[in-house]
Amino acid sequence: MQRGDKGKLEPVARLDHGQTIQPKLLLALLCFCYARQTYGSAEVRHWLRQEVSFRHFTQDELLDTPTLGRLRRKNRAARQGCLTAPWRFLVEQ
């Protein structure tokens, strides 16, 4: 995501849901899962539940599949930016 795009993320859950459900962290986790070739919301959720370091970081706060789906829909441009930024960087080099 470009520096100027930080304010463009749409929330996908109530703000009192804690750090895990915040769109910036969710977007980062989603892009990490894409890099691991994990694409579906249910698959992402399953991986996150199994990942010990993630559970420790979030203090077992659980994500649900609809929240991940809303993140994808509401933040499509930011998600695309995160996915294409590494390619743009390589091309520029």
C-alpha atoms as a PDB file:
ATOM      1  CA  MET A   1       0.000   0.000   0.000  1.00  0.00           C
ATOM      2  CA  GLN A   2       1.320   3.438  -0.861  1.00  0.00           C
ATOM      3  CA  ARG A   3       1.953   5.828   2.034  1.00  0.00           C
ATOM      4  CA  GLY A   4      -0.866   8.122   0.958  1.00  0.00           C
ATOM      5  CA  ASP A   5      -3.383   5.251   0.954  1.00  0.00           C
ATOM      6  CA  LYS A   6      -3.342   4.601   4.732  1.00  0.00           C
ATOM      7  CA  GLY A   7      -6.569   6.447   5.384  1.00  0.00           C
ATOM      8  CA  LYS A   8      -8.429   4.687   2.591  1.00  0.00           C
ATOM      9  CA  LEU A   9      -8.986   1.364   4.362  1.00  0.00           C
ATOM     10  CA  GLU A  10     -12.623   0.695   5.196  1.00  0.00           C
ATOM     11  CA  PRO A  11     -13.340  -0.906   8.592  1.00  0.00           C
ATOM     12  CA  VAL A  12     -14.951  -4.325   8.381  1.00  0.00           C
ATOM     13  CA  ALA A  13     -15.946  -4.799  12.021  1.00  0.00           C
ATOM     14  CA  ARG A  14     -16.791  -2.681  15.037  1.00  0.00           C
ATOM     15  CA  LEU A  15     -13.797  -0.748  16.344  1.00  0.00           C
ATOM     16  CA  ASP A  16     -14.148  -2.351  19.783  1.00  0.00           C
ATOM     17  CA  HIS A  17     -13.337  -5.794  18.371  1.00  0.00           C
ATOM     18  CA  GLY A  18      -9.681  -5.326  19.177  1.00  0.00           C
ATOM     19  CA  GLN A  19      -6.474  -5.130  17.184  1.00  0.00           C
ATOM     20  CA  THR A  20      -6.970  -8.305  15.160  1.00  0.00           C
ATOM     21  CA  ILE A  21     -10.026  -7.111  13.281  1.00  0.00           C
ATOM     22  CA  GLN A  22      -8.520  -3.743  12.337  1.00  0.00           C
ATOM     23  CA  PRO A  23      -8.350  -3.433   8.532  1.00  0.00           C
ATOM     24  CA  LYS A  24      -4.619  -2.660   8.294  1.00  0.00           C
ATOM     25  CA  LEU A  25      -3.627  -5.823  10.152  1.00  0.00           C
ATOM     26  CA  LEU A  26      -6.244  -7.913   8.349  1.00  0.00           C
ATOM     27  CA  LEU A  27      -5.002  -6.677   4.983  1.00  0.00           C
ATOM     28  CA  ALA A  28      -1.424  -7.574   5.882  1.00  0.00           C
ATOM     29  CA  LEU A  29      -2.478 -11.048   7.032  1.00  0.00           C
ATOM     30  CA  LEU A  30      -4.568 -11.585   3.927  1.00  0.00           C
ATOM     31  CA  CYS A  31      -1.690 -10.610   1.623  1.00  0.00           C
ATOM     32  CA  PHE A  32       0.641 -12.890   3.572  1.00  0.00           C
ATOM     33  CA  CYS A  33      -1.801 -15.747   3.044  1.00  0.00           C
ATOM     34  CA  TYR A  34      -1.955 -14.951  -0.673  1.00  0.00           C
ATOM     35  CA  ALA A  35       1.855 -15.198  -0.778  1.00  0.00           C
ATOM     36  CA  ARG A  36       1.469 -18.664   0.777  1.00  0.00           C
ATOM     37  CA  GLN A  37      -1.074 -19.531  -1.958  1.00  0.00           C
ATOM     38  CA  THR A  38      -3.948 -19.592   0.513  1.00  0.00           C
ATOM     39  CA  TYR A  39      -6.832 -17.726  -1.110  1.00  0.00           C
ATOM     40  CA  GLY A  40     -10.311 -18.607   0.149  1.00  0.00           C
ATOM     41  CA  SER A  41     -11.673 -16.909   3.265  1.00  0.00           C
ATOM     42  CA  ALA A  42     -12.357 -20.256   4.933  1.00  0.00           C
ATOM     43  CA  GLU A  43      -8.828 -21.456   4.120  1.00  0.00           C
ATOM     44  CA  VAL A  44      -7.310 -18.223   5.449  1.00  0.00           C
ATOM     45  CA  ARG A  45      -9.349 -18.497   8.643  1.00  0.00           C
ATOM     46  CA  HIS A  46      -8.339 -22.139   9.087  1.00  0.00           C
ATOM     47  CA  TRP A  47      -4.648 -21.329   8.622  1.00  0.00           C
ATOM     48  CA  LEU A  48      -4.824 -18.409  11.055  1.00  0.00           C
ATOM     49  CA  ARG A  49      -6.491 -20.608  13.682  1.00  0.00           C
ATOM     50  CA  GLN A  50      -3.740 -23.225  13.288  1.00  0.00           C
ATOM     51  CA  GLU A  51      -0.829 -20.790  13.328  1.00  0.00           C
ATOM     52  CA  VAL A  52       0.516 -20.717  16.884  1.00  0.00           C
ATOM     53  CA  SER A  53       2.373 -17.412  16.543  1.00  0.00           C
ATOM     54  CA  PHE A  54      -0.766 -15.703  15.197  1.00  0.00           C
ATOM     55  CA  ARG A  55      -2.911 -17.030  18.049  1.00  0.00           C
ATOM     56  CA  HIS A  56      -0.354 -15.781  20.567  1.00  0.00           C
ATOM     57  CA  PHE A  57      -0.267 -12.338  18.937  1.00  0.00           C
ATOM     58  CA  THR A  58      -4.052 -11.995  18.906  1.00  0.00           C
ATOM     59  CA  GLN A  59      -4.653 -13.565  22.311  1.00  0.00           C
ATOM     60  CA  ASP A  60      -6.999 -16.098  20.669  1.00  0.00           C
ATOM     61  CA  GLU A  61      -9.306 -13.447  19.206  1.00  0.00           C
ATOM     62  CA  LEU A  62     -11.038 -15.245  16.350  1.00  0.00           C
ATOM     63  CA  LEU A  63     -11.719 -14.013  12.842  1.00  0.00           C
ATOM     64  CA  ASP A  64     -14.752 -15.164  10.937  1.00  0.00           C
ATOM     65  CA  THR A  65     -15.144 -15.864   7.239  1.00  0.00           C
ATOM     66  CA  PRO A  66     -17.691 -13.057   6.590  1.00  0.00           C
ATOM     67  CA  THR A  67     -15.292 -10.484   8.076  1.00  0.00           C
ATOM     68  CA  LEU A  68     -12.545 -11.609   5.709  1.00  0.00           C
ATOM     69  CA  GLY A  69     -14.987 -11.427   2.800  1.00  0.00           C
ATOM     70  CA  ARG A  70     -15.985  -7.875   3.751  1.00  0.00           C
ATOM     71  CA  LEU A  71     -12.312  -6.921   3.928  1.00  0.00           C
ATOM     72  CA  ARG A  72     -11.808  -8.158   0.364  1.00  0.00           C
ATOM     73  CA  ARG A  73     -14.855  -6.314  -0.996  1.00  0.00           C
ATOM     74  CA  LYS A  74     -14.544  -3.019   0.883  1.00  0.00           C
ATOM     75  CA  ASN A  75     -10.785  -2.654   0.426  1.00  0.00           C
ATOM     76  CA  ARG A  76     -10.297  -4.006  -3.084  1.00  0.00           C
ATOM     77  CA  ALA A  77      -8.038  -1.131  -4.246  1.00  0.00           C
ATOM     78  CA  ALA A  78      -5.773  -1.327  -1.185  1.00  0.00           C
ATOM     79  CA  ARG A  79      -5.589  -5.124  -1.517  1.00  0.00           C
ATOM     80  CA  GLN A  80      -4.635  -4.826  -5.185  1.00  0.00           C
ATOM     81  CA  GLY A  81      -2.000  -2.237  -4.270  1.00  0.00           C
ATOM     82  CA  CYS A  82      -0.431  -4.564  -1.717  1.00  0.00           C
ATOM     83  CA  LEU A  83      -0.352  -7.406  -4.204  1.00  0.00           C
ATOM     84  CA  THR A  84       1.117  -5.404  -7.086  1.00  0.00           C
ATOM     85  CA  ALA A  85       3.622  -3.256  -5.152  1.00  0.00           C
ATOM     86  CA  PRO A  86       6.343  -5.971  -5.050  1.00  0.00           C
ATOM     87  CA  TRP A  87       6.086  -6.424  -8.833  1.00  0.00           C
ATOM     88  CA  ARG A  88       6.296  -2.677  -9.443  1.00  0.00           C
ATOM     89  CA  PHE A  89       9.358  -2.494  -7.208  1.00  0.00           C
ATOM     90  CA  LEU A  90      11.084  -5.293  -9.132  1.00  0.00           C
ATOM     91  CA  VAL A  91      10.287  -3.708 -12.489  1.00  0.00           C
ATOM     92  CA  GLU A  92      11.673  -0.356 -11.331  1.00  0.00           C
ATOM     93  CA  GLN A  93      14.897  -1.991 -10.210  1.00  0.00           C
END
